[in-house]
Amino acid sequence: MAFERVRVLGIDPGSQRTGFGVLDATGPKLTYVASGVIRTTDGEFAARLCEIFRGVRDIVAEYRPQEIAIERVFVNRNADSALKLGQARGAAICGAAETSARVFEYAPRQIKLAVVGAGSADKTQVQIMVKSLLRLGERVAADAADALAAAVCHALRQGARSAAARASENA
């Protein structure tokens, strides 16, 4: 059975560092393409949001993902931090809006559960598992690993959905 390649961009939004990770999913096979971190400069918050927007727009133009997986905002105790994170997330989504790529959202616990097997995993555990799953030579930066984890989570979930759809067609 032949599988179609799907390019997935994972995004871990942040107002100072937004991680991104690109992988190709061909059936159950995941292939690392690229990853990195969009680092904003110190200064006005609106200017930092524009940097995130432009950075994601450039990444989308270069790698042309068909699907985008982005981490949902996690509200802890600090409402101001949650609002800023939500705005950074919105800037990232807008940066990808000019494409035909579909955007999927995942809770942080959902991503960690898919990649590590525990929804309460810490960043180091995520880095180690991303390195292992994608057969990388060395660990990537924490924010990039979180973005790759979002992409892996999405690819695995989409692969399971596709397999279920094929099974029901053949039944």
Protein backbone atom coordinates (compact mmCIF):
# COMPACT_ATOMS: atom_id res chain seq x y z
CA MET A 1 0.00 0.00 0.00
CA ALA A 2 1.44 3.39 -1.03
CA PHE A 3 1.25 6.29 1.38
CA GLU A 4 1.14 9.94 0.42
CA ARG A 5 3.74 12.25 1.95
CA VAL A 6 2.31 14.99 4.16
CA ARG A 7 4.53 17.84 5.30
CA VAL A 8 3.69 19.00 8.82
CA LEU A 9 4.83 22.20 10.52
CA GLY A 10 4.70 22.14 14.31
CA ILE A 11 4.66 25.43 16.22
CA ASP A 12 5.39 26.03 19.90
CA PRO A 13 4.31 29.66 20.37
CA GLY A 14 6.01 32.07 22.74
CA SER A 15 6.34 35.83 22.92
CA GLN A 16 10.15 35.68 23.17
CA ARG A 17 10.91 32.32 21.53
CA THR A 18 8.60 30.54 19.09
CA GLY A 19 9.78 27.05 18.20
CA PHE A 20 9.12 25.50 14.83
CA GLY A 21 9.65 22.00 13.50
CA VAL A 22 9.03 20.56 10.06
CA LEU A 23 8.70 16.87 9.27
CA ASP A 24 7.43 14.68 6.48
CA ALA A 25 4.97 11.94 7.39
CA THR A 26 4.65 9.08 4.90
CA GLY A 27 2.31 6.60 6.51
CA PRO A 28 3.97 5.61 9.80
CA LYS A 29 7.40 6.92 8.71
CA LEU A 30 8.43 10.33 10.09
CA THR A 31 11.32 12.19 8.49
CA TYR A 32 12.93 15.27 10.02
CA VAL A 33 13.16 18.24 7.66
CA ALA A 34 14.06 21.31 9.74
CA SER A 35 13.62 23.01 13.09
CA GLY A 36 14.59 26.15 14.89
CA VAL A 37 13.51 29.03 17.04
CA ILE A 38 12.17 32.44 16.08
CA ARG A 39 13.75 34.73 18.69
CA THR A 40 12.17 38.14 19.09
CA THR A 41 14.14 41.23 20.02
CA ASP A 42 13.58 43.15 23.21
CA GLY A 43 11.20 46.01 22.71
CA GLU A 44 7.58 46.78 22.15
CA PHE A 45 5.27 43.80 22.40
CA ALA A 46 3.50 44.68 19.14
CA ALA A 47 6.84 44.67 17.31
CA ARG A 48 7.64 41.23 18.75
CA LEU A 49 4.28 39.93 17.50
CA CYS A 50 5.16 41.22 14.02
CA GLU A 51 8.49 39.36 14.21
CA ILE A 52 6.64 36.12 15.04
CA PHE A 53 4.18 36.72 12.20
CA ARG A 54 6.96 37.37 9.67
CA GLY A 55 9.08 34.48 10.92
CA VAL A 56 6.25 31.97 10.58
CA ARG A 57 5.23 33.42 7.21
CA ASP A 58 8.80 32.95 5.94
CA ILE A 59 9.01 29.38 7.28
CA VAL A 60 5.69 28.49 5.64
CA ALA A 61 6.86 30.00 2.34
CA GLU A 62 10.14 28.05 2.47
CA TYR A 63 8.87 24.63 3.60
CA ARG A 64 5.29 24.69 2.25
CA PRO A 65 3.56 22.53 4.88
CA GLN A 66 0.23 20.93 4.06
CA GLU A 67 -0.79 20.76 7.71
CA ILE A 68 0.15 22.81 10.77
CA ALA A 69 0.04 21.62 14.38
CA ILE A 70 0.13 24.31 17.04
CA GLU A 71 0.12 24.04 20.79
CA ARG A 72 -2.96 25.44 22.55
CA VAL A 73 -2.57 28.09 25.23
CA PHE A 74 -2.11 26.62 28.68
CA VAL A 75 -3.52 28.87 31.41
CA ASN A 76 -1.66 28.44 34.65
CA ARG A 77 -1.72 31.08 37.35
CA ASN A 78 -0.58 34.20 35.54
CA ALA A 79 -3.37 35.60 33.37
CA ASP A 80 -1.09 38.23 31.82
CA SER A 81 1.35 35.56 30.63
CA ALA A 82 -1.52 33.52 29.21
CA LEU A 83 -2.81 36.56 27.29
CA LYS A 84 0.64 37.30 25.85
CA LEU A 85 1.07 33.65 24.86
CA GLY A 86 -2.35 33.72 23.20
CA GLN A 87 -1.37 36.80 21.22
CA ALA A 88 1.92 35.19 20.14
CA ARG A 89 -0.05 32.11 19.10
CA GLY A 90 -2.43 34.29 17.09
CA ALA A 91 0.50 36.00 15.34
CA ALA A 92 1.91 32.57 14.42
CA ILE A 93 -1.44 31.37 13.06
CA CYS A 94 -1.82 34.58 11.04
CA GLY A 95 1.68 34.02 9.63
CA ALA A 96 0.44 30.73 8.20
CA ALA A 97 -2.97 32.00 7.10
CA GLU A 98 -2.03 32.82 3.50
CA THR A 99 -1.50 29.15 2.67
CA SER A 100 -3.97 26.38 2.08
CA ALA A 101 -2.48 24.42 5.00
CA ARG A 102 -4.98 23.21 7.58
CA VAL A 103 -4.32 24.21 11.18
CA PHE A 104 -4.79 21.71 14.02
CA GLU A 105 -4.57 22.53 17.72
CA TYR A 106 -3.31 20.28 20.51
CA ALA A 107 -3.17 20.70 24.26
CA PRO A 108 0.32 20.48 25.79
CA ARG A 109 -0.66 17.32 27.73
CA GLN A 110 -1.93 15.70 24.52
CA ILE A 111 1.39 16.38 22.76
CA LYS A 112 3.48 15.07 25.66
CA LEU A 113 1.32 11.97 25.97
CA ALA A 114 1.74 11.20 22.25
CA VAL A 115 5.50 11.70 22.23
CA VAL A 116 6.66 10.67 25.71
CA GLY A 117 3.76 8.56 26.96
CA ALA A 118 3.13 10.85 29.93
CA GLY A 119 1.11 14.07 29.82
CA SER A 120 3.20 15.56 32.63
CA ALA A 121 6.59 15.03 30.93
CA ASP A 122 9.15 17.80 31.29
CA LYS A 123 11.01 19.56 28.47
CA THR A 124 14.09 17.34 28.78
CA GLN A 125 12.00 14.19 28.35
CA VAL A 126 10.35 15.70 25.26
CA GLN A 127 13.77 16.58 23.81
CA ILE A 128 15.07 13.05 24.36
CA MET A 129 12.03 11.39 22.79
CA VAL A 130 11.96 13.75 19.79
CA LYS A 131 15.65 12.97 19.21
CA SER A 132 14.90 9.25 19.40
CA LEU A 133 11.70 9.22 17.32
CA LEU A 134 13.19 11.30 14.51
CA ARG A 135 16.64 9.64 14.73
CA LEU A 136 18.45 12.95 15.17
CA GLY A 137 22.18 13.03 15.81
CA GLU A 138 21.86 15.52 18.64
CA ARG A 139 19.17 17.12 20.75
CA VAL A 140 17.49 20.22 19.39
CA ALA A 141 16.67 23.34 21.41
CA ALA A 142 13.80 22.92 23.87
CA ASP A 143 11.38 25.19 21.96
CA ALA A 144 12.19 23.51 18.64
CA ALA A 145 11.75 20.08 20.28
CA ASP A 146 8.33 21.13 21.58
CA ALA A 147 7.36 22.23 18.06
CA LEU A 148 8.62 18.96 16.57
CA ALA A 149 6.65 17.12 19.29
CA ALA A 150 3.48 18.94 18.16
CA ALA A 151 4.19 17.85 14.57
CA VAL A 152 4.85 14.25 15.67
CA CYS A 153 1.64 14.21 17.74
CA HIS A 154 -0.32 15.44 14.75
CA ALA A 155 1.28 13.01 12.31
CA LEU A 156 0.58 10.06 14.61
CA ARG A 157 -3.05 11.12 15.16
CA GLN A 158 -3.62 11.72 11.45
CA GLY A 159 -1.99 8.38 10.63
CA ALA A 160 -4.34 6.61 13.04
CA ARG A 161 -7.34 8.40 11.49
CA SER A 162 -6.22 7.44 7.98
CA ALA A 163 -5.74 3.80 8.99
CA ALA A 164 -9.19 3.71 10.56
CA ALA A 165 -10.72 5.25 7.44
CA ARG A 166 -9.00 2.69 5.19
CA ALA A 167 -10.13 -0.16 7.45
CA SER A 168 -13.76 1.00 7.31
CA GLU A 169 -13.55 1.32 3.50
CA ASN A 170 -12.27 -2.26 3.24
CA ALA A 171 -14.86 -3.65 5.65
